[in-house]
C-alpha atoms as a PDB file:
ATOM      1  CA  MET A   1       5.691 -20.769 -17.759  1.00  0.00           C
ATOM      2  CA  PRO A   2       6.951 -17.784 -15.777  1.00  0.00           C
ATOM      3  CA  VAL A   3       4.736 -15.254 -14.046  1.00  0.00           C
ATOM      4  CA  PHE A   4       5.262 -11.525 -14.516  1.00  0.00           C
ATOM      5  CA  LEU A   5       5.324  -9.078 -11.615  1.00  0.00           C
ATOM      6  CA  THR A   6       5.505  -5.308 -11.392  1.00  0.00           C
ATOM      7  CA  GLY A   7       6.401  -3.608  -8.126  1.00  0.00           C
ATOM      8  CA  ALA A   8       8.789  -6.244  -6.755  1.00  0.00           C
ATOM      9  CA  SER A   9      10.913  -3.572  -5.083  1.00  0.00           C
ATOM     10  CA  GLY A  10       7.939  -2.225  -3.124  1.00  0.00           C
ATOM     11  CA  PHE A  11       6.304  -3.267   0.126  1.00  0.00           C
ATOM     12  CA  VAL A  12       3.548  -5.609  -1.070  1.00  0.00           C
ATOM     13  CA  GLY A  13       5.380  -6.689  -4.229  1.00  0.00           C
ATOM     14  CA  SER A  14       8.481  -7.768  -2.313  1.00  0.00           C
ATOM     15  CA  ARG A  15       6.424 -10.055  -0.104  1.00  0.00           C
ATOM     16  CA  LEU A  16       4.495 -11.400  -3.109  1.00  0.00           C
ATOM     17  CA  VAL A  17       7.660 -12.287  -5.007  1.00  0.00           C
ATOM     18  CA  ARG A  18       8.894 -14.279  -2.001  1.00  0.00           C
ATOM     19  CA  LYS A  19       5.589 -16.172  -1.830  1.00  0.00           C
ATOM     20  CA  LEU A  20       5.745 -16.981  -5.542  1.00  0.00           C
ATOM     21  CA  LEU A  21       9.351 -18.196  -5.346  1.00  0.00           C
ATOM     22  CA  ALA A  22       8.495 -20.363  -2.329  1.00  0.00           C
ATOM     23  CA  ARG A  23       5.833 -22.043  -4.491  1.00  0.00           C
ATOM     24  CA  GLY A  24       8.460 -22.897  -7.098  1.00  0.00           C
ATOM     25  CA  GLU A  25       7.316 -20.285  -9.627  1.00  0.00           C
ATOM     26  CA  THR A  26       9.666 -18.725 -12.141  1.00  0.00           C
ATOM     27  CA  VAL A  27       9.201 -15.007 -11.502  1.00  0.00           C
ATOM     28  CA  ARG A  28      10.004 -12.341 -14.088  1.00  0.00           C
ATOM     29  CA  CYS A  29      10.052  -8.836 -12.611  1.00  0.00           C
ATOM     30  CA  LEU A  30       9.850  -5.435 -14.247  1.00  0.00           C
ATOM     31  CA  VAL A  31      12.724  -3.365 -12.869  1.00  0.00           C
ATOM     32  CA  ARG A  32      13.262   0.325 -13.518  1.00  0.00           C
ATOM     33  CA  LYS A  33      16.771   1.759 -13.774  1.00  0.00           C
ATOM     34  CA  THR A  34      16.028   3.812 -10.674  1.00  0.00           C
ATOM     35  CA  SER A  35      14.516   0.943  -8.640  1.00  0.00           C
ATOM     36  CA  SER A  36      16.250   0.191  -5.356  1.00  0.00           C
ATOM     37  CA  PRO A  37      17.532  -3.409  -5.277  1.00  0.00           C
ATOM     38  CA  ARG A  38      17.168  -3.561  -1.503  1.00  0.00           C
ATOM     39  CA  ASN A  39      13.950  -5.606  -1.410  1.00  0.00           C
ATOM     40  CA  THR A  40      15.014  -8.067  -4.134  1.00  0.00           C
ATOM     41  CA  GLU A  41      18.693  -8.636  -3.304  1.00  0.00           C
ATOM     42  CA  GLY A  42      19.574 -12.321  -3.375  1.00  0.00           C
ATOM     43  CA  LEU A  43      16.240 -13.396  -4.870  1.00  0.00           C
ATOM     44  CA  ALA A  44      16.295 -15.784  -7.843  1.00  0.00           C
ATOM     45  CA  ILE A  45      14.174 -13.660 -10.157  1.00  0.00           C
ATOM     46  CA  GLU A  46      14.404 -12.799 -13.840  1.00  0.00           C
ATOM     47  CA  ARG A  47      14.876  -9.051 -14.160  1.00  0.00           C
ATOM     48  CA  VAL A  48      13.479  -7.174 -17.156  1.00  0.00           C
ATOM     49  CA  GLU A  49      14.537  -3.539 -17.308  1.00  0.00           C
ATOM     50  CA  GLY A  50      11.679  -1.283 -18.288  1.00  0.00           C
ATOM     51  CA  ASP A  51       8.952   1.084 -17.169  1.00  0.00           C
ATOM     52  CA  LEU A  52       5.167   1.119 -16.986  1.00  0.00           C
ATOM     53  CA  ARG A  53       5.253   4.043 -19.402  1.00  0.00           C
ATOM     54  CA  ASP A  54       7.292   2.031 -21.945  1.00  0.00           C
ATOM     55  CA  PRO A  55       4.890  -0.325 -23.791  1.00  0.00           C
ATOM     56  CA  GLU A  56       7.672  -2.155 -25.622  1.00  0.00           C
ATOM     57  CA  SER A  57       9.422  -3.169 -22.386  1.00  0.00           C
ATOM     58  CA  LEU A  58       6.103  -4.507 -21.087  1.00  0.00           C
ATOM     59  CA  ARG A  59       5.401  -6.511 -24.226  1.00  0.00           C
ATOM     60  CA  HIS A  60       8.884  -7.998 -23.990  1.00  0.00           C
ATOM     61  CA  GLY A  61       8.524  -8.809 -20.293  1.00  0.00           C
ATOM     62  CA  ILE A  62       5.037 -10.314 -20.434  1.00  0.00           C
ATOM     63  CA  SER A  63       5.615 -12.402 -23.575  1.00  0.00           C
ATOM     64  CA  GLY A  64       5.499 -16.095 -22.687  1.00  0.00           C
ATOM     65  CA  CYS A  65       4.090 -15.551 -19.178  1.00  0.00           C
ATOM     66  CA  SER A  66       0.994 -17.249 -17.804  1.00  0.00           C
ATOM     67  CA  VAL A  67      -0.030 -14.799 -15.073  1.00  0.00           C
ATOM     68  CA  VAL A  68       0.564 -11.075 -14.634  1.00  0.00           C
ATOM     69  CA  TYR A  69       0.575  -9.456 -11.176  1.00  0.00           C
ATOM     70  CA  HIS A  70       0.413  -5.687 -11.600  1.00  0.00           C
ATOM     71  CA  VAL A  71       1.342  -4.348  -8.165  1.00  0.00           C
ATOM     72  CA  ALA A  72       3.448  -1.286  -9.027  1.00  0.00           C
ATOM     73  CA  ALA A  73       2.034   2.211  -8.611  1.00  0.00           C
ATOM     74  CA  ASP A  74       3.249   5.752  -8.193  1.00  0.00           C
ATOM     75  CA  TYR A  75       2.140   6.247  -4.589  1.00  0.00           C
ATOM     76  CA  ARG A  76       2.638   9.839  -3.474  1.00  0.00           C
ATOM     77  CA  LEU A  77       0.290  12.140  -1.609  1.00  0.00           C
ATOM     78  CA  TRP A  78       2.195  15.157  -2.933  1.00  0.00           C
ATOM     79  CA  SER A  79       3.962  15.745  -6.218  1.00  0.00           C
ATOM     80  CA  ARG A  80       5.408  18.799  -7.940  1.00  0.00           C
ATOM     81  CA  ASN A  81       4.046  17.335 -11.181  1.00  0.00           C
ATOM     82  CA  PRO A  82       0.787  15.426 -10.542  1.00  0.00           C
ATOM     83  CA  ARG A  83       0.661  14.398 -14.218  1.00  0.00           C
ATOM     84  CA  GLU A  84       3.352  11.813 -13.415  1.00  0.00           C
ATOM     85  CA  LEU A  85       0.896   9.899 -11.219  1.00  0.00           C
ATOM     86  CA  TYR A  86      -1.618   9.601 -14.062  1.00  0.00           C
ATOM     87  CA  GLU A  87       1.090   8.586 -16.545  1.00  0.00           C
ATOM     88  CA  SER A  88       2.200   5.682 -14.343  1.00  0.00           C
ATOM     89  CA  ASN A  89      -1.032   4.686 -12.624  1.00  0.00           C
ATOM     90  CA  VAL A  90      -3.537   5.124 -15.450  1.00  0.00           C
ATOM     91  CA  GLN A  91      -1.575   4.953 -18.713  1.00  0.00           C
ATOM     92  CA  GLY A  92       0.841   2.446 -17.193  1.00  0.00           C
ATOM     93  CA  THR A  93      -2.072   0.178 -16.283  1.00  0.00           C
ATOM     94  CA  LEU A  94      -3.497   0.522 -19.792  1.00  0.00           C
ATOM     95  CA  ASN A  95      -0.089  -0.506 -21.143  1.00  0.00           C
ATOM     96  CA  ILE A  96      -0.055  -3.577 -18.880  1.00  0.00           C
ATOM     97  CA  LEU A  97      -3.555  -4.560 -19.988  1.00  0.00           C
ATOM     98  CA  SER A  98      -2.662  -4.160 -23.674  1.00  0.00           C
ATOM     99  CA  ALA A  99       0.537  -6.205 -23.350  1.00  0.00           C
ATOM    100  CA  SER A 100      -1.280  -8.912 -21.363  1.00  0.00           C
ATOM    101  CA  ASP A 101      -4.011  -9.116 -23.993  1.00  0.00           C
ATOM    102  CA  ALA A 102      -1.442  -9.400 -26.795  1.00  0.00           C
ATOM    103  CA  ALA A 103       0.426 -12.152 -24.932  1.00  0.00           C
ATOM    104  CA  GLY A 104      -2.757 -14.143 -24.254  1.00  0.00           C
ATOM    105  CA  VAL A 105      -2.061 -14.608 -20.553  1.00  0.00           C
ATOM    106  CA  ASP A 106      -4.320 -16.830 -18.456  1.00  0.00           C
ATOM    107  CA  ARG A 107      -4.922 -14.272 -15.711  1.00  0.00           C
ATOM    108  CA  VAL A 108      -4.102 -10.689 -14.725  1.00  0.00           C
ATOM    109  CA  VAL A 109      -4.313  -9.639 -11.087  1.00  0.00           C
ATOM    110  CA  TYR A 110      -4.515  -5.872 -10.722  1.00  0.00           C
ATOM    111  CA  CYS A 111      -3.593  -4.387  -7.349  1.00  0.00           C
ATOM    112  CA  SER A 112      -5.815  -1.398  -6.688  1.00  0.00           C
ATOM    113  CA  THR A 113      -6.522   0.093  -3.237  1.00  0.00           C
ATOM    114  CA  VAL A 114      -9.469   0.458  -0.891  1.00  0.00           C
ATOM    115  CA  GLY A 115      -8.939   4.175  -1.461  1.00  0.00           C
ATOM    116  CA  ALA A 116     -10.615   3.740  -4.860  1.00  0.00           C
ATOM    117  CA  LEU A 117     -13.736   2.213  -3.269  1.00  0.00           C
ATOM    118  CA  GLY A 118     -16.739   3.818  -1.645  1.00  0.00           C
ATOM    119  CA  ASN A 119     -16.624   4.357   2.091  1.00  0.00           C
ATOM    120  CA  PRO A 120     -19.405   5.732   4.340  1.00  0.00           C
ATOM    121  CA  GLY A 121     -16.767   7.366   6.545  1.00  0.00           C
ATOM    122  CA  ASN A 122     -18.844   7.128   9.720  1.00  0.00           C
ATOM    123  CA  GLY A 123     -17.350   3.875  10.973  1.00  0.00           C
ATOM    124  CA  THR A 124     -19.590   1.673   8.837  1.00  0.00           C
ATOM    125  CA  PRO A 125     -17.308  -0.615   6.796  1.00  0.00           C
ATOM    126  CA  GLY A 126     -17.251  -0.096   3.049  1.00  0.00           C
ATOM    127  CA  THR A 127     -17.611  -3.008   0.632  1.00  0.00           C
ATOM    128  CA  GLU A 128     -16.734  -3.676  -2.988  1.00  0.00           C
ATOM    129  CA  ASP A 129     -20.224  -2.448  -3.912  1.00  0.00           C
ATOM    130  CA  THR A 130     -20.434   0.734  -1.830  1.00  0.00           C
ATOM    131  CA  PRO A 131     -21.363   3.537  -4.267  1.00  0.00           C
ATOM    132  CA  VAL A 132     -18.495   5.844  -5.234  1.00  0.00           C
ATOM    133  CA  SER A 133     -17.606   8.418  -7.873  1.00  0.00           C
ATOM    134  CA  LEU A 134     -14.528  10.273  -9.081  1.00  0.00           C
ATOM    135  CA  ASP A 135     -15.505  13.493  -7.329  1.00  0.00           C
ATOM    136  CA  GLN A 136     -15.285  11.653  -3.981  1.00  0.00           C
ATOM    137  CA  MET A 137     -11.607  10.870  -4.536  1.00  0.00           C
ATOM    138  CA  VAL A 138      -9.276  13.051  -2.427  1.00  0.00           C
ATOM    139  CA  GLY A 139      -6.114  14.008  -4.267  1.00  0.00           C
ATOM    140  CA  HIS A 140      -4.297  12.906  -7.397  1.00  0.00           C
ATOM    141  CA  TYR A 141      -3.153   9.516  -6.101  1.00  0.00           C
ATOM    142  CA  LYS A 142      -6.684   8.353  -5.310  1.00  0.00           C
ATOM    143  CA  ARG A 143      -8.056   9.857  -8.518  1.00  0.00           C
ATOM    144  CA  SER A 144      -5.418   8.131 -10.615  1.00  0.00           C
ATOM    145  CA  LYS A 145      -6.055   4.762  -8.957  1.00  0.00           C
ATOM    146  CA  PHE A 146      -9.823   5.181  -9.332  1.00  0.00           C
ATOM    147  CA  LEU A 147      -9.447   5.935 -13.054  1.00  0.00           C
ATOM    148  CA  ALA A 148      -7.057   3.008 -13.500  1.00  0.00           C
ATOM    149  CA  GLU A 149      -9.511   0.658 -11.790  1.00  0.00           C
ATOM    150  CA  GLN A 150     -12.267   1.775 -14.147  1.00  0.00           C
ATOM    151  CA  GLU A 151     -10.027   0.878 -17.097  1.00  0.00           C
ATOM    152  CA  VAL A 152      -9.460  -2.574 -15.611  1.00  0.00           C
ATOM    153  CA  VAL A 153     -13.198  -3.109 -15.186  1.00  0.00           C
ATOM    154  CA  SER A 154     -13.722  -2.118 -18.826  1.00  0.00           C
ATOM    155  CA  ALA A 155     -10.988  -4.531 -19.953  1.00  0.00           C
ATOM    156  CA  ALA A 156     -12.683  -7.365 -18.068  1.00  0.00           C
ATOM    157  CA  LYS A 157     -15.952  -6.590 -19.832  1.00  0.00           C
ATOM    158  CA  ARG A 158     -14.092  -6.856 -23.154  1.00  0.00           C
ATOM    159  CA  GLY A 159     -12.944 -10.353 -22.218  1.00  0.00           C
ATOM    160  CA  LEU A 160      -9.521  -9.885 -20.597  1.00  0.00           C
ATOM    161  CA  PRO A 161      -9.228 -12.377 -17.693  1.00  0.00           C
ATOM    162  CA  VAL A 162      -8.456  -9.780 -15.024  1.00  0.00           C
ATOM    163  CA  VAL A 163      -9.278  -9.768 -11.304  1.00  0.00           C
ATOM    164  CA  ILE A 164      -9.004  -6.724  -9.025  1.00  0.00           C
ATOM    165  CA  VAL A 165      -7.716  -6.806  -5.456  1.00  0.00           C
ATOM    166  CA  ASN A 166      -8.120  -3.805  -3.143  1.00  0.00           C
ATOM    167  CA  PRO A 167      -5.675  -4.015  -0.213  1.00  0.00           C
ATOM    168  CA  SER A 168      -6.544  -2.013   2.884  1.00  0.00           C
ATOM    169  CA  THR A 169      -3.563  -1.097   5.112  1.00  0.00           C
ATOM    170  CA  PRO A 170      -0.773  -3.702   5.078  1.00  0.00           C
ATOM    171  CA  VAL A 171       1.698  -3.898   7.960  1.00  0.00           C
ATOM    172  CA  GLY A 172       4.785  -6.045   8.366  1.00  0.00           C
ATOM    173  CA  PRO A 173       8.425  -6.294   7.249  1.00  0.00           C
ATOM    174  CA  ASN A 174      10.125  -4.880   4.118  1.00  0.00           C
ATOM    175  CA  ASP A 175       8.340  -1.510   4.261  1.00  0.00           C
ATOM    176  CA  VAL A 176      11.468   0.227   2.994  1.00  0.00           C
ATOM    177  CA  LYS A 177      10.006   3.576   1.890  1.00  0.00           C
ATOM    178  CA  PRO A 178       8.173   3.440   4.388  1.00  0.00           C
ATOM    179  CA  THR A 179       4.436   3.725   3.656  1.00  0.00           C
ATOM    180  CA  ASP A 180       2.233   6.208   5.515  1.00  0.00           C
ATOM    181  CA  THR A 181       1.377   3.512   8.054  1.00  0.00           C
ATOM    182  CA  GLY A 182       5.038   2.603   8.353  1.00  0.00           C
ATOM    183  CA  GLN A 183       5.758   6.254   9.092  1.00  0.00           C
ATOM    184  CA  ILE A 184       3.196   6.184  11.888  1.00  0.00           C
ATOM    185  CA  ILE A 185       5.041   3.206  13.401  1.00  0.00           C
ATOM    186  CA  THR A 186       8.517   4.742  13.028  1.00  0.00           C
ATOM    187  CA  ARG A 187       7.404   8.106  14.410  1.00  0.00           C
ATOM    188  CA  PHE A 188       5.910   6.317  17.392  1.00  0.00           C
ATOM    189  CA  LEU A 189       9.124   4.331  17.910  1.00  0.00           C
ATOM    190  CA  ASN A 190      11.213   7.496  17.701  1.00  0.00           C
ATOM    191  CA  GLY A 191       9.006   9.319  20.194  1.00  0.00           C
ATOM    192  CA  ARG A 192       7.893  11.863  17.602  1.00  0.00           C
ATOM    193  CA  MET A 193       4.130  11.380  17.865  1.00  0.00           C
ATOM    194  CA  PRO A 194       2.801  13.242  20.912  1.00  0.00           C
ATOM    195  CA  PHE A 195      -0.679  13.657  19.386  1.00  0.00           C
ATOM    196  CA  TYR A 196      -2.817  11.886  16.802  1.00  0.00           C
ATOM    197  CA  LEU A 197      -5.899  12.386  14.641  1.00  0.00           C
ATOM    198  CA  ASP A 198      -9.259  10.783  15.371  1.00  0.00           C
ATOM    199  CA  THR A 199      -9.344   8.487  12.356  1.00  0.00           C
ATOM    200  CA  GLY A 200      -9.306   4.762  11.649  1.00  0.00           C
ATOM    201  CA  LEU A 201      -7.816   2.156   9.340  1.00  0.00           C
ATOM    202  CA  ASN A 202      -8.343  -1.461   8.360  1.00  0.00           C
ATOM    203  CA  LEU A 203      -5.102  -3.334   9.044  1.00  0.00           C
ATOM    204  CA  ILE A 204      -3.912  -6.603   7.511  1.00  0.00           C
ATOM    205  CA  ASP A 205      -0.666  -8.587   7.618  1.00  0.00           C
ATOM    206  CA  VAL A 206       1.265  -7.786   4.427  1.00  0.00           C
ATOM    207  CA  ASP A 207       1.861 -11.514   3.881  1.00  0.00           C
ATOM    208  CA  ASP A 208      -1.889 -12.079   3.839  1.00  0.00           C
ATOM    209  CA  VAL A 209      -2.120  -9.411   1.140  1.00  0.00           C
ATOM    210  CA  ALA A 210       0.513 -11.280  -0.857  1.00  0.00           C
ATOM    211  CA  ASP A 211      -1.426 -14.527  -0.417  1.00  0.00           C
ATOM    212  CA  GLY A 212      -4.568 -12.691  -1.514  1.00  0.00           C
ATOM    213  CA  HIS A 213      -2.977 -11.877  -4.871  1.00  0.00           C
ATOM    214  CA  ILE A 214      -2.147 -15.529  -5.511  1.00  0.00           C
ATOM    215  CA  LEU A 215      -5.593 -16.651  -4.384  1.00  0.00           C
ATOM    216  CA  ALA A 216      -7.161 -14.077  -6.717  1.00  0.00           C
ATOM    217  CA  ALA A 217      -5.197 -15.561  -9.618  1.00  0.00           C
ATOM    218  CA  GLU A 218      -6.378 -19.055  -8.725  1.00  0.00           C
ATOM    219  CA  ARG A 219      -9.934 -18.521  -7.476  1.00  0.00           C
ATOM    220  CA  GLY A 220     -11.021 -14.968  -8.261  1.00  0.00           C
ATOM    221  CA  ARG A 221     -13.897 -14.320 -10.638  1.00  0.00           C
ATOM    222  CA  VAL A 222     -13.014 -12.293 -13.713  1.00  0.00           C
ATOM    223  CA  GLY A 223     -14.017  -8.644 -13.378  1.00  0.00           C
ATOM    224  CA  GLU A 224     -14.669  -8.904  -9.638  1.00  0.00           C
ATOM    225  CA  LYS A 225     -13.120  -6.811  -6.866  1.00  0.00           C
ATOM    226  CA  TYR A 226     -11.872  -8.281  -3.591  1.00  0.00           C
ATOM    227  CA  ILE A 227     -11.024  -6.256  -0.483  1.00  0.00           C
ATOM    228  CA  LEU A 228      -7.848  -7.644   1.073  1.00  0.00           C
ATOM    229  CA  GLY A 229      -8.348  -6.507   4.657  1.00  0.00           C
ATOM    230  CA  ASN A 230      -8.740  -7.772   8.175  1.00  0.00           C
ATOM    231  CA  ARG A 231      -9.233  -5.661  11.319  1.00  0.00           C
ATOM    232  CA  ASP A 232     -10.794  -2.216  11.679  1.00  0.00           C
ATOM    233  CA  MET A 233      -8.976  -0.128  14.301  1.00  0.00           C
ATOM    234  CA  SER A 234      -9.034   3.511  15.303  1.00  0.00           C
ATOM    235  CA  LEU A 235      -5.660   5.232  15.193  1.00  0.00           C
ATOM    236  CA  GLY A 236      -5.844   5.541  18.966  1.00  0.00           C
ATOM    237  CA  GLU A 237      -6.277   1.756  19.247  1.00  0.00           C
ATOM    238  CA  ILE A 238      -3.323   1.162  16.910  1.00  0.00           C
ATOM    239  CA  LEU A 239      -1.078   3.433  18.981  1.00  0.00           C
ATOM    240  CA  SER A 240      -2.243   1.836  22.233  1.00  0.00           C
ATOM    241  CA  LEU A 241      -1.412  -1.584  20.793  1.00  0.00           C
ATOM    242  CA  LEU A 242       2.035  -0.354  19.744  1.00  0.00           C
ATOM    243  CA  ALA A 243       2.532   0.928  23.287  1.00  0.00           C
ATOM    244  CA  GLU A 244       1.544  -2.479  24.654  1.00  0.00           C
ATOM    245  CA  LEU A 245       3.868  -4.315  22.264  1.00  0.00           C
ATOM    246  CA  THR A 246       6.885  -2.094  22.910  1.00  0.00           C
ATOM    247  CA  GLY A 247       6.459  -0.793  26.444  1.00  0.00           C
ATOM    248  CA  LEU A 248       6.730   2.772  25.134  1.00  0.00           C
ATOM    249  CA  PRO A 249       4.206   5.441  26.185  1.00  0.00           C
ATOM    250  CA  ALA A 250       1.176   6.050  24.005  1.00  0.00           C
ATOM    251  CA  PRO A 251       0.560   9.567  22.624  1.00  0.00           C
ATOM    252  CA  ARG A 252      -1.085  11.941  25.074  1.00  0.00           C
ATOM    253  CA  GLY A 253      -4.192  12.879  23.103  1.00  0.00           C
ATOM    254  CA  LYS A 254      -5.984  13.792  19.907  1.00  0.00           C
ATOM    255  CA  ILE A 255      -5.340  16.838  17.759  1.00  0.00           C
ATOM    256  CA  PRO A 256      -8.369  18.514  16.121  1.00  0.00           C
ATOM    257  CA  LEU A 257      -8.639  17.997  12.379  1.00  0.00           C
ATOM    258  CA  GLY A 258      -8.738  21.746  11.723  1.00  0.00           C
ATOM    259  CA  VAL A 259      -5.470  22.289  13.581  1.00  0.00           C
ATOM    260  CA  ALA A 260      -3.793  19.397  11.754  1.00  0.00           C
ATOM    261  CA  LEU A 261      -5.031  20.716   8.412  1.00  0.00           C
ATOM    262  CA  GLY A 262      -3.683  24.173   9.150  1.00  0.00           C
ATOM    263  CA  VAL A 263      -0.264  22.774  10.087  1.00  0.00           C
ATOM    264  CA  ALA A 264      -0.265  20.596   6.952  1.00  0.00           C
ATOM    265  CA  ARG A 265      -1.063  23.547   4.689  1.00  0.00           C
ATOM    266  CA  VAL A 266       1.727  25.653   6.161  1.00  0.00           C
ATOM    267  CA  ASN A 267       4.153  22.728   5.959  1.00  0.00           C
ATOM    268  CA  GLN A 268       3.221  21.951   2.357  1.00  0.00           C
ATOM    269  CA  PHE A 269       3.552  25.593   1.319  1.00  0.00           C
ATOM    270  CA  PHE A 270       7.034  26.083   2.743  1.00  0.00           C
ATOM    271  CA  VAL A 271       8.493  22.609   2.183  1.00  0.00           C
ATOM    272  CA  GLY A 272       6.637  21.665  -0.994  1.00  0.00           C
ATOM    273  CA  SER A 273       5.922  24.893  -2.853  1.00  0.00           C
ATOM    274  CA  LEU A 274       8.983  26.909  -1.812  1.00  0.00           C
ATOM    275  CA  LEU A 275      11.656  24.239  -1.301  1.00  0.00           C
ATOM    276  CA  GLY A 276      10.339  21.672  -3.784  1.00  0.00           C
ATOM    277  CA  ARG A 277      10.669  18.797  -1.326  1.00  0.00           C
ATOM    278  CA  GLU A 278       8.069  16.276  -0.233  1.00  0.00           C
ATOM    279  CA  PRO A 279       6.291  17.715   2.814  1.00  0.00           C
ATOM    280  CA  GLY A 280       6.316  15.697   5.995  1.00  0.00           C
ATOM    281  CA  ILE A 281       2.578  16.346   6.467  1.00  0.00           C
ATOM    282  CA  PRO A 282       0.828  16.238   3.070  1.00  0.00           C
ATOM    283  CA  VAL A 283      -2.520  18.045   2.979  1.00  0.00           C
ATOM    284  CA  GLU A 284      -4.051  15.101   1.103  1.00  0.00           C
ATOM    285  CA  GLY A 285      -3.117  12.765   3.945  1.00  0.00           C
ATOM    286  CA  VAL A 286      -4.901  14.921   6.509  1.00  0.00           C
ATOM    287  CA  LEU A 287      -7.965  15.285   4.273  1.00  0.00           C
ATOM    288  CA  MET A 288      -8.125  11.495   3.889  1.00  0.00           C
ATOM    289  CA  ALA A 289      -8.151  11.156   7.666  1.00  0.00           C
ATOM    290  CA  ARG A 290     -11.563  12.828   7.803  1.00  0.00           C
ATOM    291  CA  LYS A 291     -13.046   9.395   7.122  1.00  0.00           C
ATOM    292  CA  LYS A 292     -12.501   6.243   9.119  1.00  0.00           C
ATOM    293  CA  MET A 293     -11.229   3.880   6.412  1.00  0.00           C
ATOM    294  CA  TYR A 294     -13.032   0.777   7.634  1.00  0.00           C
ATOM    295  CA  PHE A 295     -13.762  -2.038   5.188  1.00  0.00           C
ATOM    296  CA  ASP A 296     -15.426  -5.447   5.071  1.00  0.00           C
ATOM    297  CA  PRO A 297     -13.154  -8.229   3.686  1.00  0.00           C
ATOM    298  CA  SER A 298     -15.769 -10.987   3.947  1.00  0.00           C
ATOM    299  CA  LYS A 299     -16.070 -11.453   0.163  1.00  0.00           C
ATOM    300  CA  ALA A 300     -12.356 -12.191  -0.156  1.00  0.00           C
ATOM    301  CA  VAL A 301     -12.454 -14.441   2.902  1.00  0.00           C
ATOM    302  CA  SER A 302     -15.385 -16.496   1.627  1.00  0.00           C
ATOM    303  CA  GLU A 303     -14.568 -16.630  -2.098  1.00  0.00           C
ATOM    304  CA  LEU A 304     -10.764 -16.629  -2.071  1.00  0.00           C
ATOM    305  CA  GLY A 305      -9.966 -18.044   1.350  1.00  0.00           C
ATOM    306  CA  LEU A 306      -8.067 -14.864   2.312  1.00  0.00           C
ATOM    307  CA  PRO A 307      -6.086 -15.537   5.512  1.00  0.00           C
ATOM    308  CA  GLN A 308      -6.830 -13.434   8.582  1.00  0.00           C
ATOM    309  CA  SER A 309      -3.554 -13.618  10.471  1.00  0.00           C
ATOM    310  CA  SER A 310      -2.990 -11.776  13.741  1.00  0.00           C
ATOM    311  CA  VAL A 311      -2.671  -8.021  13.254  1.00  0.00           C
ATOM    312  CA  ASP A 312      -0.887  -7.836  16.615  1.00  0.00           C
ATOM    313  CA  ASP A 313       1.812 -10.184  15.286  1.00  0.00           C
ATOM    314  CA  ALA A 314       2.073  -8.218  12.033  1.00  0.00           C
ATOM    315  CA  LEU A 315       2.613  -4.967  13.940  1.00  0.00           C
ATOM    316  CA  LEU A 316       5.232  -6.622  16.120  1.00  0.00           C
ATOM    317  CA  ARG A 317       7.069  -7.948  13.044  1.00  0.00           C
ATOM    318  CA  ALA A 318       6.951  -4.448  11.553  1.00  0.00           C
ATOM    319  CA  VAL A 319       8.408  -2.953  14.750  1.00  0.00           C
ATOM    320  CA  GLU A 320      11.189  -5.547  14.823  1.00  0.00           C
ATOM    321  CA  TRP A 321      12.020  -4.994  11.143  1.00  0.00           C
ATOM    322  CA  PHE A 322      12.136  -1.198  11.460  1.00  0.00           C
ATOM    323  CA  CYS A 323      14.380  -1.409  14.529  1.00  0.00           C
ATOM    324  CA  ARG A 324      16.628  -4.038  12.955  1.00  0.00           C
ATOM    325  CA  ASN A 325      17.060  -1.940   9.813  1.00  0.00           C
ATOM    326  CA  GLY A 326      17.909   1.363  11.452  1.00  0.00           C
ATOM    327  CA  TYR A 327      14.624   3.251  11.136  1.00  0.00           C
ATOM    328  CA  ALA A 328      14.366   3.565  14.908  1.00  0.00           C
ATOM    329  CA  PRO A 329      16.190   2.512  18.063  1.00  0.00           C
ATOM    330  CA  THR A 330      14.903  -0.598  19.737  1.00  0.00           C
ATOM    331  CA  PRO A 331      12.211   0.065  22.365  1.00  0.00           C
ATOM    332  CA  GLN A 332      14.769  -0.893  25.042  1.00  0.00           C
ATOM    333  CA  GLU A 333      17.268   1.669  23.693  1.00  0.00           C
ATOM    334  CA  LEU A 334      14.616   4.369  23.456  1.00  0.00           C
ATOM    335  CA  ARG A 335      13.427   3.729  27.010  1.00  0.00           C
ATOM    336  CA  LYS A 336      17.025   4.054  28.241  1.00  0.00           C
ATOM    337  CA  GLN A 337      17.391   7.351  26.367  1.00  0.00           C
ATOM    338  CA  GLN A 338      14.183   8.665  27.917  1.00  0.00           C
ATOM    339  CA  GLU A 339      15.223   7.550  31.407  1.00  0.00           C
ATOM    340  CA  SER A 340      18.606   9.248  31.025  1.00  0.00           C
ATOM    341  CA  VAL A 341      17.001  12.672  30.444  1.00  0.00           C
ATOM    342  CA  ALA A 342      16.263  14.228  33.816  1.00  0.00           C
ATOM    343  CA  PRO A 343      12.998  16.187  34.195  1.00  0.00           C
ATOM    344  CA  GLY A 344      13.506  19.828  33.220  1.00  0.00           C
ATOM    345  CA  ALA A 345      16.800  19.099  31.478  1.00  0.00           C
END
C-alpha cells in the first residue's frame, strides 16, 4: 500500500520523501497548483493535485494508503491575512485527520514544531511535558500550530492512531525557501550579518528529522509527542562554527533586543503595512528570540531511536548546498571579493 505525504516540496518533506523512496515505499504526495516542483523533480512519486483546505482532494489522496505523514504547514512569521495560517494549519489538519479516519489508515504522523511546546526560556531545555498555554504562543504561526496540535491530541483520544513529532531547528540541503535558520546561514555567507541577537536554538540534521518521522510511524506510541532535536547552541556559537567551517569572519558582536525590536517594527511598518511585502525582519521573529529555544530530545532518542548525527556536518552540507544553488558565493569567492576591496575604498 502507498503512503501519503503532505509537504513534499518543503524542506523537511523533501528529505522525508527521499528516505521513503529509498526504502522502496510507494509515495503519494499532495501537490498544490502553486507548489514549486524544484524539490521533487525527478522523484518517482504519485502526485495528487489538491490543497489542505480541500477535503475532497484529501479523501481522494489518502484513500488506499497505509500511513499518512502530514508535514505541510503555512509557515510565515508575517502575513497580510493571518486567517490564512489558521485555515491551512488548523482546519487543514482537521481535514487530514478526518480523511485519515475515513480511510482507516494504520498510522498518522503529524509534524508539529517545538514552537508549540513549553519552554522555560532561561537556557533550561524544554520537554514534551513542559507546561504551556495558548497565551504563551508568540504570533499567528505559533498559535495556529499550537491549536492544530491540540486537535491532533483530541483525535488520538478518540482512537485515531496518530503520533506527534516536534522538530526543533533542522539544517541541511534542500532548504529552498529558505527557512529562518537557512536565512541566517545565507546572510552569514553573503557577509550581511555584522551583529546578532543573544538567543539560542536546538539544531538537528534535517535527515535525522526525516528519519524521526519514519521511526514515529513504526515505533511511536499513539497520542505521544516526540521532540526531534539534537544540540543546543547559542546563536553566537552557531555563527562561530560557521566561521570555522568556511574561514569567513564571525559577526563582530551582539545587538540589544530592544534595538532589534525597534528596527523590526519600523521595517515591518514600511515594508509590510505600506508596501504589502514580507518584511525582512518580522517582529514575531525578534519576539521569539527573547527565549533560548533549547529542548531535550531524549524521549525520541530512547523510544524511537532518533539518530543524533553531527550538527557540524549538517551545517557544512547546508553551506555547500546554498553555495552550489546560487544563494551565496562560495566562501573562497567571498574571501577574494573581500580581499579585493582596499581599506577605505
